[in-house]
Amino acid sequence: MKGKIMLDSNKTYSAEEVYKSILRRIIKLELEPGQLISENQMSIDYGVSRSVIRNAFAKLAQLKFIEVRPQRGTYVTQMDLNYISDLLMLRTAVEKEVIYEMFTKLDDSARVELVKKLDKNIKEEEKYINEKNYSHNFAILDSEFHKTMIDSVNRYALVVILGDIMLHISRWRNFDVEFADRVHELIEEHKNIADGIRNNDLSRTQECMAIHLETITDIYESAIKQYPKYFKK
């Protein structure tokens, strides 16, 4: 599942760009869970000093994306499905509360306009329905779908507050979508959420959101069996 690593050998990378690039490579699974990485190789890859890489590694360790194993080296952390499950529960709680506020604080005309925006987003998503992975364009549209709802009740600060820890959900989503070929399912789930709002059905909309975000149960055993090195035991 490892992606192709694309670095510009002619580019001069700043310390912040190095950190963000390594983080992005981890989230996109270009640097695989459980993979050994080194300061020396990274400094060569990016054309920067080891101190720059060391600082980037320190930030990534704080986010629990890399870990130092004594006498063995530095590794990309494996995915902890129990931790990710907790994060998904937290995110589900936030988005179900957002939906509750949409139904209790927005008037009918505001919800009609919201559904129009969601429908427009879904129409764009359908251009990527045959994608096999969580491609750049579809990932942006997926994020925008949720942001549109959260912004409708002025709650996006909650997403910002949870930002760093939710990056672990992003890494899981990249794995989940490619492993289970789920782009078409995500689009259908978005349609179900939009239909719930369209039909003024609060409980149904919340239920559809919970189904949309709970992505571990169905593929748990097969994912661990096929990619045992990716997951914390």
C-alpha atoms as a PDB file:
ATOM      1  CA  MET A   1       0.000   0.000   0.000  1.00  0.00           C
ATOM      2  CA  LYS A   2       3.046   2.249   0.094  1.00  0.00           C
ATOM      3  CA  GLY A   3       2.650   5.319  -2.112  1.00  0.00           C
ATOM      4  CA  LYS A   4       5.288   6.757  -4.430  1.00  0.00           C
ATOM      5  CA  ILE A   5       7.589   9.215  -2.689  1.00  0.00           C
ATOM      6  CA  MET A   6       7.913  12.426  -4.686  1.00  0.00           C
ATOM      7  CA  LEU A   7      10.510  14.918  -3.449  1.00  0.00           C
ATOM      8  CA  ASP A   8      11.866  17.817  -5.471  1.00  0.00           C
ATOM      9  CA  SER A   9      15.653  17.481  -5.402  1.00  0.00           C
ATOM     10  CA  ASN A  10      16.000  21.060  -6.665  1.00  0.00           C
ATOM     11  CA  LYS A  11      13.875  22.569  -3.907  1.00  0.00           C
ATOM     12  CA  THR A  12      15.301  24.196  -0.782  1.00  0.00           C
ATOM     13  CA  TYR A  13      13.149  23.029   2.124  1.00  0.00           C
ATOM     14  CA  SER A  14      12.561  25.138   5.231  1.00  0.00           C
ATOM     15  CA  ALA A  15      12.385  23.446   8.637  1.00  0.00           C
ATOM     16  CA  GLU A  16       8.594  23.839   8.686  1.00  0.00           C
ATOM     17  CA  GLU A  17       8.260  22.421   5.178  1.00  0.00           C
ATOM     18  CA  VAL A  18      10.358  19.404   6.151  1.00  0.00           C
ATOM     19  CA  TYR A  19       8.156  18.719   9.171  1.00  0.00           C
ATOM     20  CA  LYS A  20       4.928  19.098   7.204  1.00  0.00           C
ATOM     21  CA  SER A  21       6.243  16.965   4.346  1.00  0.00           C
ATOM     22  CA  ILE A  22       7.241  14.072   6.606  1.00  0.00           C
ATOM     23  CA  LEU A  23       3.891  14.316   8.428  1.00  0.00           C
ATOM     24  CA  ARG A  24       2.034  14.256   5.108  1.00  0.00           C
ATOM     25  CA  ARG A  25       4.030  11.225   3.947  1.00  0.00           C
ATOM     26  CA  ILE A  26       3.109   9.388   7.150  1.00  0.00           C
ATOM     27  CA  ILE A  27      -0.577  10.268   6.873  1.00  0.00           C
ATOM     28  CA  LYS A  28      -0.656   9.246   3.193  1.00  0.00           C
ATOM     29  CA  LEU A  29       1.117   5.956   4.079  1.00  0.00           C
ATOM     30  CA  GLU A  30       4.105   6.776   1.881  1.00  0.00           C
ATOM     31  CA  LEU A  31       6.038   6.154   5.084  1.00  0.00           C
ATOM     32  CA  GLU A  32       4.373   2.986   6.296  1.00  0.00           C
ATOM     33  CA  PRO A  33       3.307   2.171   9.862  1.00  0.00           C
ATOM     34  CA  GLY A  34       6.149   0.265  11.505  1.00  0.00           C
ATOM     35  CA  GLN A  35       8.737   1.486   8.975  1.00  0.00           C
ATOM     36  CA  LEU A  36      12.260   2.267  10.176  1.00  0.00           C
ATOM     37  CA  ILE A  37      13.347   5.825   9.339  1.00  0.00           C
ATOM     38  CA  SER A  38      16.623   7.604  10.003  1.00  0.00           C
ATOM     39  CA  GLU A  39      17.857  11.148  10.486  1.00  0.00           C
ATOM     40  CA  ASN A  40      20.717  10.502   8.067  1.00  0.00           C
ATOM     41  CA  GLN A  41      18.508   9.342   5.202  1.00  0.00           C
ATOM     42  CA  MET A  42      15.948  12.092   5.772  1.00  0.00           C
ATOM     43  CA  SER A  43      18.654  14.761   5.796  1.00  0.00           C
ATOM     44  CA  ILE A  44      19.860  13.415   2.436  1.00  0.00           C
ATOM     45  CA  ASP A  45      16.317  13.221   1.030  1.00  0.00           C
ATOM     46  CA  TYR A  46      15.534  16.831   1.915  1.00  0.00           C
ATOM     47  CA  GLY A  47      19.009  18.301   1.611  1.00  0.00           C
ATOM     48  CA  VAL A  48      18.949  19.714   5.139  1.00  0.00           C
ATOM     49  CA  SER A  49      20.999  19.259   8.299  1.00  0.00           C
ATOM     50  CA  ARG A  50      20.348  16.473  10.770  1.00  0.00           C
ATOM     51  CA  SER A  51      19.303  19.077  13.356  1.00  0.00           C
ATOM     52  CA  VAL A  52      16.391  20.097  11.119  1.00  0.00           C
ATOM     53  CA  ILE A  53      15.322  16.466  10.835  1.00  0.00           C
ATOM     54  CA  ARG A  54      15.812  15.961  14.578  1.00  0.00           C
ATOM     55  CA  ASN A  55      13.460  18.874  15.324  1.00  0.00           C
ATOM     56  CA  ALA A  56      10.886  17.515  12.871  1.00  0.00           C
ATOM     57  CA  PHE A  57      11.128  14.097  14.495  1.00  0.00           C
ATOM     58  CA  ALA A  58      10.588  15.667  17.933  1.00  0.00           C
ATOM     59  CA  LYS A  59       7.320  17.268  16.746  1.00  0.00           C
ATOM     60  CA  LEU A  60       6.178  14.035  15.127  1.00  0.00           C
ATOM     61  CA  ALA A  61       6.949  12.116  18.309  1.00  0.00           C
ATOM     62  CA  GLN A  62       4.771  14.559  20.275  1.00  0.00           C
ATOM     63  CA  LEU A  63       1.928  13.771  17.883  1.00  0.00           C
ATOM     64  CA  LYS A  64       2.654  10.040  18.331  1.00  0.00           C
ATOM     65  CA  PHE A  65       3.438   9.481  14.669  1.00  0.00           C
ATOM     66  CA  ILE A  66       6.976   8.273  15.307  1.00  0.00           C
ATOM     67  CA  GLU A  67       8.646   6.532  18.224  1.00  0.00           C
ATOM     68  CA  VAL A  68      12.205   5.790  19.290  1.00  0.00           C
ATOM     69  CA  ARG A  69      12.801   2.160  20.206  1.00  0.00           C
ATOM     70  CA  PRO A  70      15.942   1.842  22.364  1.00  0.00           C
ATOM     71  CA  GLN A  71      18.786   0.000  20.632  1.00  0.00           C
ATOM     72  CA  ARG A  72      16.637  -0.396  17.505  1.00  0.00           C
ATOM     73  CA  GLY A  73      16.056   3.036  15.955  1.00  0.00           C
ATOM     74  CA  THR A  74      13.225   5.408  15.029  1.00  0.00           C
ATOM     75  CA  TYR A  75      10.025   3.985  13.580  1.00  0.00           C
ATOM     76  CA  VAL A  76       6.763   5.292  12.177  1.00  0.00           C
ATOM     77  CA  THR A  77       4.171   4.329  14.776  1.00  0.00           C
ATOM     78  CA  GLN A  78       1.761   1.550  14.021  1.00  0.00           C
ATOM     79  CA  MET A  79      -1.928   2.406  13.978  1.00  0.00           C
ATOM     80  CA  ASP A  80      -3.673   1.791  17.291  1.00  0.00           C
ATOM     81  CA  LEU A  81      -7.215   0.824  16.354  1.00  0.00           C
ATOM     82  CA  ASN A  82      -8.481   1.183  19.927  1.00  0.00           C
ATOM     83  CA  TYR A  83      -7.204   4.774  20.002  1.00  0.00           C
ATOM     84  CA  ILE A  84      -8.606   5.505  16.554  1.00  0.00           C
ATOM     85  CA  SER A  85     -11.955   4.035  17.622  1.00  0.00           C
ATOM     86  CA  ASP A  86     -12.011   6.455  20.563  1.00  0.00           C
ATOM     87  CA  LEU A  87     -11.213   9.366  18.250  1.00  0.00           C
ATOM     88  CA  LEU A  88     -13.973   8.319  15.856  1.00  0.00           C
ATOM     89  CA  MET A  89     -16.410   8.213  18.759  1.00  0.00           C
ATOM     90  CA  LEU A  90     -15.342  11.707  19.773  1.00  0.00           C
ATOM     91  CA  ARG A  91     -15.722  13.019  16.244  1.00  0.00           C
ATOM     92  CA  THR A  92     -19.118  11.333  15.897  1.00  0.00           C
ATOM     93  CA  ALA A  93     -20.300  13.000  19.097  1.00  0.00           C
ATOM     94  CA  VAL A  94     -19.194  16.396  17.775  1.00  0.00           C
ATOM     95  CA  GLU A  95     -20.858  15.959  14.394  1.00  0.00           C
ATOM     96  CA  LYS A  96     -24.091  14.566  15.862  1.00  0.00           C
ATOM     97  CA  GLU A  97     -24.269  17.646  18.098  1.00  0.00           C
ATOM     98  CA  VAL A  98     -23.680  19.830  15.032  1.00  0.00           C
ATOM     99  CA  ILE A  99     -26.597  18.081  13.329  1.00  0.00           C
ATOM    100  CA  TYR A 100     -28.762  18.669  16.407  1.00  0.00           C
ATOM    101  CA  GLU A 101     -27.980  22.386  16.250  1.00  0.00           C
ATOM    102  CA  MET A 102     -28.701  22.442  12.515  1.00  0.00           C
ATOM    103  CA  PHE A 103     -32.210  21.151  13.219  1.00  0.00           C
ATOM    104  CA  THR A 104     -32.875  23.288  16.289  1.00  0.00           C
ATOM    105  CA  LYS A 105     -31.171  26.577  15.405  1.00  0.00           C
ATOM    106  CA  LEU A 106     -31.470  26.879  11.633  1.00  0.00           C
ATOM    107  CA  ASP A 107     -34.805  27.771  10.085  1.00  0.00           C
ATOM    108  CA  ASP A 108     -36.253  25.820   7.171  1.00  0.00           C
ATOM    109  CA  SER A 109     -34.883  28.160   4.503  1.00  0.00           C
ATOM    110  CA  ALA A 110     -31.355  27.961   5.940  1.00  0.00           C
ATOM    111  CA  ARG A 111     -31.502  24.167   5.890  1.00  0.00           C
ATOM    112  CA  VAL A 112     -32.735  24.226   2.288  1.00  0.00           C
ATOM    113  CA  GLU A 113     -29.711  26.339   1.330  1.00  0.00           C
ATOM    114  CA  LEU A 114     -27.443  23.984   3.268  1.00  0.00           C
ATOM    115  CA  VAL A 115     -28.788  20.975   1.362  1.00  0.00           C
ATOM    116  CA  LYS A 116     -28.167  22.781  -1.928  1.00  0.00           C
ATOM    117  CA  LYS A 117     -24.518  23.255  -0.959  1.00  0.00           C
ATOM    118  CA  LEU A 118     -24.210  19.605   0.078  1.00  0.00           C
ATOM    119  CA  ASP A 119     -25.826  18.409  -3.151  1.00  0.00           C
ATOM    120  CA  LYS A 120     -23.378  20.535  -5.158  1.00  0.00           C
ATOM    121  CA  ASN A 121     -20.484  19.020  -3.245  1.00  0.00           C
ATOM    122  CA  ILE A 122     -21.753  15.474  -3.826  1.00  0.00           C
ATOM    123  CA  LYS A 123     -22.103  16.153  -7.559  1.00  0.00           C
ATOM    124  CA  GLU A 124     -18.405  17.082  -7.631  1.00  0.00           C
ATOM    125  CA  GLU A 125     -17.514  14.003  -5.572  1.00  0.00           C
ATOM    126  CA  GLU A 126     -19.182  11.758  -8.129  1.00  0.00           C
ATOM    127  CA  LYS A 127     -16.512  12.724 -10.642  1.00  0.00           C
ATOM    128  CA  TYR A 128     -14.140  10.577  -8.567  1.00  0.00           C
ATOM    129  CA  ILE A 129     -16.475   7.655  -7.858  1.00  0.00           C
ATOM    130  CA  ASN A 130     -14.180   5.167  -9.590  1.00  0.00           C
ATOM    131  CA  GLU A 131     -11.061   6.221  -7.680  1.00  0.00           C
ATOM    132  CA  LYS A 132      -9.376   3.351  -5.834  1.00  0.00           C
ATOM    133  CA  ASN A 133      -7.765   5.511  -3.181  1.00  0.00           C
ATOM    134  CA  TYR A 134      -8.346   8.670  -1.194  1.00  0.00           C
ATOM    135  CA  SER A 135      -7.101  10.973  -3.939  1.00  0.00           C
ATOM    136  CA  HIS A 136      -6.214  14.598  -3.343  1.00  0.00           C
ATOM    137  CA  ASN A 137      -9.307  16.051  -5.023  1.00  0.00           C
ATOM    138  CA  PHE A 138     -11.773  13.681  -3.404  1.00  0.00           C
ATOM    139  CA  ALA A 139     -10.191  14.124   0.030  1.00  0.00           C
ATOM    140  CA  ILE A 140     -10.676  17.906  -0.255  1.00  0.00           C
ATOM    141  CA  LEU A 141     -14.322  17.477  -1.249  1.00  0.00           C
ATOM    142  CA  ASP A 142     -14.916  15.023   1.605  1.00  0.00           C
ATOM    143  CA  SER A 143     -13.492  17.529   4.073  1.00  0.00           C
ATOM    144  CA  GLU A 144     -15.565  20.335   2.547  1.00  0.00           C
ATOM    145  CA  PHE A 145     -18.768  18.294   2.906  1.00  0.00           C
ATOM    146  CA  HIS A 146     -18.298  18.096   6.671  1.00  0.00           C
ATOM    147  CA  LYS A 147     -17.003  21.661   6.955  1.00  0.00           C
ATOM    148  CA  THR A 148     -20.121  22.970   5.189  1.00  0.00           C
ATOM    149  CA  MET A 149     -22.341  21.442   7.864  1.00  0.00           C
ATOM    150  CA  ILE A 150     -20.136  22.485  10.766  1.00  0.00           C
ATOM    151  CA  ASP A 151     -19.809  26.045   9.440  1.00  0.00           C
ATOM    152  CA  SER A 152     -23.585  26.302   9.120  1.00  0.00           C
ATOM    153  CA  VAL A 153     -23.818  26.489  12.925  1.00  0.00           C
ATOM    154  CA  ASN A 154     -20.480  28.277  13.437  1.00  0.00           C
ATOM    155  CA  ARG A 155     -18.815  25.349  15.204  1.00  0.00           C
ATOM    156  CA  TYR A 156     -15.671  24.873  13.109  1.00  0.00           C
ATOM    157  CA  ALA A 157     -13.525  25.989  16.061  1.00  0.00           C
ATOM    158  CA  LEU A 158     -14.230  22.548  17.519  1.00  0.00           C
ATOM    159  CA  VAL A 159     -12.474  20.925  14.573  1.00  0.00           C
ATOM    160  CA  VAL A 160      -9.512  23.253  15.000  1.00  0.00           C
ATOM    161  CA  ILE A 161      -9.300  22.400  18.706  1.00  0.00           C
ATOM    162  CA  LEU A 162      -9.225  18.688  17.886  1.00  0.00           C
ATOM    163  CA  GLY A 163      -6.980  19.172  14.852  1.00  0.00           C
ATOM    164  CA  ASP A 164      -3.720  17.462  15.806  1.00  0.00           C
ATOM    165  CA  ILE A 165      -5.185  14.300  17.299  1.00  0.00           C
ATOM    166  CA  MET A 166      -7.619  13.981  14.399  1.00  0.00           C
ATOM    167  CA  LEU A 167      -4.648  13.567  12.059  1.00  0.00           C
ATOM    168  CA  HIS A 168      -4.622   9.945  13.222  1.00  0.00           C
ATOM    169  CA  ILE A 169      -8.132   9.612  11.784  1.00  0.00           C
ATOM    170  CA  SER A 170      -6.795  11.030   8.510  1.00  0.00           C
ATOM    171  CA  ARG A 171      -4.137   8.318   8.336  1.00  0.00           C
ATOM    172  CA  TRP A 172      -6.727   5.648   9.095  1.00  0.00           C
ATOM    173  CA  ARG A 173      -9.056   7.089   6.451  1.00  0.00           C
ATOM    174  CA  ASN A 174      -6.319   6.860   3.819  1.00  0.00           C
ATOM    175  CA  PHE A 175      -5.865   3.199   4.694  1.00  0.00           C
ATOM    176  CA  ASP A 176      -9.571   2.419   5.048  1.00  0.00           C
ATOM    177  CA  VAL A 177     -10.651   3.935   1.731  1.00  0.00           C
ATOM    178  CA  GLU A 178      -7.982   2.170  -0.325  1.00  0.00           C
ATOM    179  CA  PHE A 179      -8.166  -1.144   1.529  1.00  0.00           C
ATOM    180  CA  ALA A 180     -11.946  -1.455   1.210  1.00  0.00           C
ATOM    181  CA  ASP A 181     -12.326   0.472  -2.077  1.00  0.00           C
ATOM    182  CA  ARG A 182     -14.760   2.793  -0.331  1.00  0.00           C
ATOM    183  CA  VAL A 183     -14.975   5.997  -2.374  1.00  0.00           C
ATOM    184  CA  HIS A 184     -18.368   4.995  -3.803  1.00  0.00           C
ATOM    185  CA  GLU A 185     -19.594   4.111  -0.303  1.00  0.00           C
ATOM    186  CA  LEU A 186     -18.517   7.480   1.089  1.00  0.00           C
ATOM    187  CA  ILE A 187     -20.481   9.248  -1.609  1.00  0.00           C
ATOM    188  CA  GLU A 188     -23.599   7.182  -0.890  1.00  0.00           C
ATOM    189  CA  GLU A 189     -23.232   7.902   2.820  1.00  0.00           C
ATOM    190  CA  HIS A 190     -22.974  11.625   2.082  1.00  0.00           C
ATOM    191  CA  LYS A 191     -26.163  11.358   0.018  1.00  0.00           C
ATOM    192  CA  ASN A 192     -27.937   9.657   2.934  1.00  0.00           C
ATOM    193  CA  ILE A 193     -26.877  12.442   5.303  1.00  0.00           C
ATOM    194  CA  ALA A 194     -28.056  15.127   2.881  1.00  0.00           C
ATOM    195  CA  ASP A 195     -31.363  13.273   2.389  1.00  0.00           C
ATOM    196  CA  GLY A 196     -31.874  13.142   6.146  1.00  0.00           C
ATOM    197  CA  ILE A 197     -31.563  16.925   6.315  1.00  0.00           C
ATOM    198  CA  ARG A 198     -33.751  17.329   3.225  1.00  0.00           C
ATOM    199  CA  ASN A 199     -36.465  15.220   4.856  1.00  0.00           C
ATOM    200  CA  ASN A 200     -36.235  17.075   8.187  1.00  0.00           C
ATOM    201  CA  ASP A 201     -35.390  13.816   9.960  1.00  0.00           C
ATOM    202  CA  LEU A 202     -33.013  14.581  12.830  1.00  0.00           C
ATOM    203  CA  SER A 203     -32.593  11.060  14.190  1.00  0.00           C
ATOM    204  CA  ARG A 204     -32.070   9.576  10.726  1.00  0.00           C
ATOM    205  CA  THR A 205     -29.442  12.191   9.857  1.00  0.00           C
ATOM    206  CA  GLN A 206     -27.556  11.509  13.086  1.00  0.00           C
ATOM    207  CA  GLU A 207     -27.764   7.768  12.464  1.00  0.00           C
ATOM    208  CA  CYS A 208     -26.368   8.190   8.934  1.00  0.00           C
ATOM    209  CA  MET A 209     -23.510  10.297  10.272  1.00  0.00           C
ATOM    210  CA  ALA A 210     -22.642   7.635  12.871  1.00  0.00           C
ATOM    211  CA  ILE A 211     -22.601   4.954  10.157  1.00  0.00           C
ATOM    212  CA  HIS A 212     -20.440   7.181   7.973  1.00  0.00           C
ATOM    213  CA  LEU A 213     -17.796   7.755  10.645  1.00  0.00           C
ATOM    214  CA  GLU A 214     -17.646   4.284  12.235  1.00  0.00           C
ATOM    215  CA  THR A 215     -15.264   2.649   9.782  1.00  0.00           C
ATOM    216  CA  ILE A 216     -13.357   0.056  11.804  1.00  0.00           C
ATOM    217  CA  THR A 217     -15.736  -2.780  12.686  1.00  0.00           C
ATOM    218  CA  ASP A 218     -16.395  -4.181   9.211  1.00  0.00           C
ATOM    219  CA  ILE A 219     -12.760  -4.460   8.130  1.00  0.00           C
ATOM    220  CA  TYR A 220     -10.984  -4.902  11.478  1.00  0.00           C
ATOM    221  CA  GLU A 221     -10.038  -8.577  11.175  1.00  0.00           C
ATOM    222  CA  SER A 222      -9.236  -8.611   7.458  1.00  0.00           C
ATOM    223  CA  ALA A 223      -7.136  -5.442   7.706  1.00  0.00           C
ATOM    224  CA  ILE A 224      -5.017  -6.825  10.545  1.00  0.00           C
ATOM    225  CA  LYS A 225      -4.637 -10.159   8.744  1.00  0.00           C
ATOM    226  CA  GLN A 226      -3.477  -8.578   5.485  1.00  0.00           C
ATOM    227  CA  TYR A 227      -1.351  -5.793   7.001  1.00  0.00           C
ATOM    228  CA  PRO A 228      -0.219  -7.093  10.415  1.00  0.00           C
ATOM    229  CA  LYS A 229       2.801  -4.761  10.569  1.00  0.00           C
ATOM    230  CA  TYR A 230       0.561  -1.708  10.241  1.00  0.00           C
ATOM    231  CA  PHE A 231      -1.279  -2.203  13.532  1.00  0.00           C
ATOM    232  CA  LYS A 232      -0.376  -2.092  17.200  1.00  0.00           C
ATOM    233  CA  LYS A 233      -1.073  -5.388  18.920  1.00  0.00           C
END
